[in-house]
Amino acid sequence: MRGFKLVAIAIAALIALILGIEAVGFIFHLVAYLAVAALVAGGVYVAFKLGRASNRQVSKKTKDSEVQDSYTARPLPRADVQQYTPPAPPTVTRPVTGPNIDDELAKLKREMGS
């Protein structure tokens, strides 16, 4: 009977050790999941705050403390406003030939070889 009690105590200690390890593992995993959830929630919060801050409208009124020089206050010239006017085509002046144009044409044909 004494050996039976020793084996029962050893089995009970082994079961207690396994349950203790399982409990510690469960708590460790629970803390890890909570940390991940906190990181995700913090990231969402920061993204929400940054998104809200970028949607703020800026007042169009200039502050009295702002100084603007004349160069930056002028609007930039726009290239698409000015219209391009092409130059006039060159005029071709033909020399005045004699009264007989057929003779001139025949002379040119002879010189060209046809």
Protein backbone atom coordinates (compact mmCIF):
# COMPACT_ATOMS: atom_id res chain seq x y z
CA MET A 1 0.00 0.00 0.00
CA ARG A 2 2.87 2.31 0.69
CA GLY A 3 4.15 2.03 -2.93
CA PHE A 4 0.67 2.75 -4.22
CA LYS A 5 0.59 6.00 -2.24
CA LEU A 6 4.01 7.04 -3.61
CA VAL A 7 2.91 6.38 -7.20
CA ALA A 8 -0.35 8.31 -6.61
CA ILE A 9 1.56 11.27 -5.15
CA ALA A 10 4.00 11.21 -8.07
CA ILE A 11 1.14 11.14 -10.60
CA ALA A 12 -0.66 13.96 -8.75
CA ALA A 13 2.53 16.04 -8.72
CA LEU A 14 3.01 15.40 -12.44
CA ILE A 15 -0.59 16.44 -13.19
CA ALA A 16 -0.18 19.56 -11.03
CA LEU A 17 3.04 20.43 -12.87
CA ILE A 18 1.38 20.00 -16.27
CA LEU A 19 -1.63 22.10 -15.21
CA GLY A 20 0.68 24.79 -13.80
CA ILE A 21 2.66 24.95 -17.05
CA GLU A 22 -0.57 25.11 -19.04
CA ALA A 23 -1.86 27.94 -16.82
CA VAL A 24 1.37 29.91 -17.22
CA GLY A 25 1.28 29.34 -21.00
CA PHE A 26 -2.35 30.47 -21.16
CA ILE A 27 -1.56 33.63 -19.21
CA PHE A 28 1.50 34.30 -21.39
CA HIS A 29 -0.52 33.92 -24.59
CA LEU A 30 -3.31 36.08 -23.18
CA VAL A 31 -0.83 38.88 -22.35
CA ALA A 32 0.73 38.56 -25.83
CA TYR A 33 -2.68 38.83 -27.53
CA LEU A 34 -3.58 41.85 -25.40
CA ALA A 35 -0.28 43.53 -26.35
CA VAL A 36 -0.92 42.95 -30.06
CA ALA A 37 -4.48 44.26 -29.70
CA ALA A 38 -3.15 47.36 -27.90
CA LEU A 39 -0.62 47.98 -30.68
CA VAL A 40 -3.30 47.67 -33.36
CA ALA A 41 -5.67 49.96 -31.46
CA GLY A 42 -2.89 52.52 -30.98
CA GLY A 43 -2.05 52.42 -34.68
CA VAL A 44 -5.69 52.95 -35.61
CA TYR A 45 -5.90 55.85 -33.15
CA VAL A 46 -2.79 57.54 -34.55
CA ALA A 47 -3.99 57.06 -38.15
CA PHE A 48 -7.38 58.51 -37.22
CA LYS A 49 -5.80 61.53 -35.54
CA LEU A 50 -3.45 62.16 -38.47
CA GLY A 51 -6.33 61.84 -40.91
CA ARG A 52 -8.42 64.32 -39.00
CA ALA A 53 -5.54 66.76 -38.70
CA SER A 54 -4.93 66.75 -42.47
CA ASN A 55 -8.58 67.60 -43.19
CA ARG A 56 -8.51 70.85 -41.25
CA GLN A 57 -9.20 73.88 -43.38
CA VAL A 58 -6.68 76.66 -43.32
CA SER A 59 -8.01 80.15 -42.83
CA LYS A 60 -7.73 82.33 -45.92
CA LYS A 61 -7.09 85.42 -43.82
CA THR A 62 -3.46 86.42 -43.56
CA LYS A 63 -2.15 86.94 -40.10
CA ASP A 64 -0.74 90.30 -39.12
CA SER A 65 2.52 88.63 -38.23
CA GLU A 66 3.00 87.18 -41.72
CA VAL A 67 5.30 89.03 -44.05
CA GLN A 68 4.98 88.62 -47.80
CA ASP A 69 7.51 89.96 -50.22
CA SER A 70 6.37 91.34 -53.55
CA TYR A 71 7.99 88.53 -55.57
CA THR A 72 6.01 85.71 -53.99
CA ALA A 73 2.78 87.73 -53.77
CA ARG A 74 2.54 88.06 -57.57
CA PRO A 75 0.77 85.30 -59.45
CA LEU A 76 2.94 83.35 -61.81
CA PRO A 77 2.48 83.95 -65.53
CA ARG A 78 0.44 81.30 -67.26
CA ALA A 79 1.71 79.86 -70.50
CA ASP A 80 -1.68 78.62 -71.66
CA VAL A 81 -3.23 82.10 -71.63
CA GLN A 82 -1.00 83.63 -74.27
CA GLN A 83 -2.01 82.65 -77.76
CA TYR A 84 0.55 81.73 -80.36
CA THR A 85 0.28 83.57 -83.63
CA PRO A 86 2.23 81.90 -86.42
CA PRO A 87 4.21 84.10 -88.77
CA ALA A 88 2.66 84.96 -92.10
CA PRO A 89 3.65 82.64 -94.92
CA PRO A 90 6.24 84.09 -97.25
CA THR A 91 4.91 85.55 -100.43
CA VAL A 92 6.34 84.22 -103.67
CA THR A 93 6.99 86.78 -106.32
CA ARG A 94 7.29 85.47 -109.83
CA PRO A 95 9.29 87.30 -112.37
CA VAL A 96 7.33 88.80 -115.15
CA THR A 97 8.05 86.93 -118.33
CA GLY A 98 7.58 87.95 -121.86
CA PRO A 99 4.29 87.84 -123.66
CA ASN A 100 4.93 84.37 -125.05
CA ILE A 101 4.82 81.91 -122.13
CA ASP A 102 4.79 78.88 -124.40
CA ASP A 103 8.26 79.77 -125.70
CA GLU A 104 9.57 80.02 -122.12
CA LEU A 105 8.04 76.65 -121.26
CA ALA A 106 9.58 75.02 -124.32
CA LYS A 107 12.97 76.51 -123.41
CA LEU A 108 12.76 75.08 -119.89
CA LYS A 109 11.81 71.64 -121.17
CA ARG A 110 14.83 71.64 -123.49
CA GLU A 111 17.15 72.65 -120.66
CA MET A 112 15.74 69.92 -118.37
CA GLY A 113 16.18 67.28 -121.03
CA SER A 114 12.66 66.14 -121.56
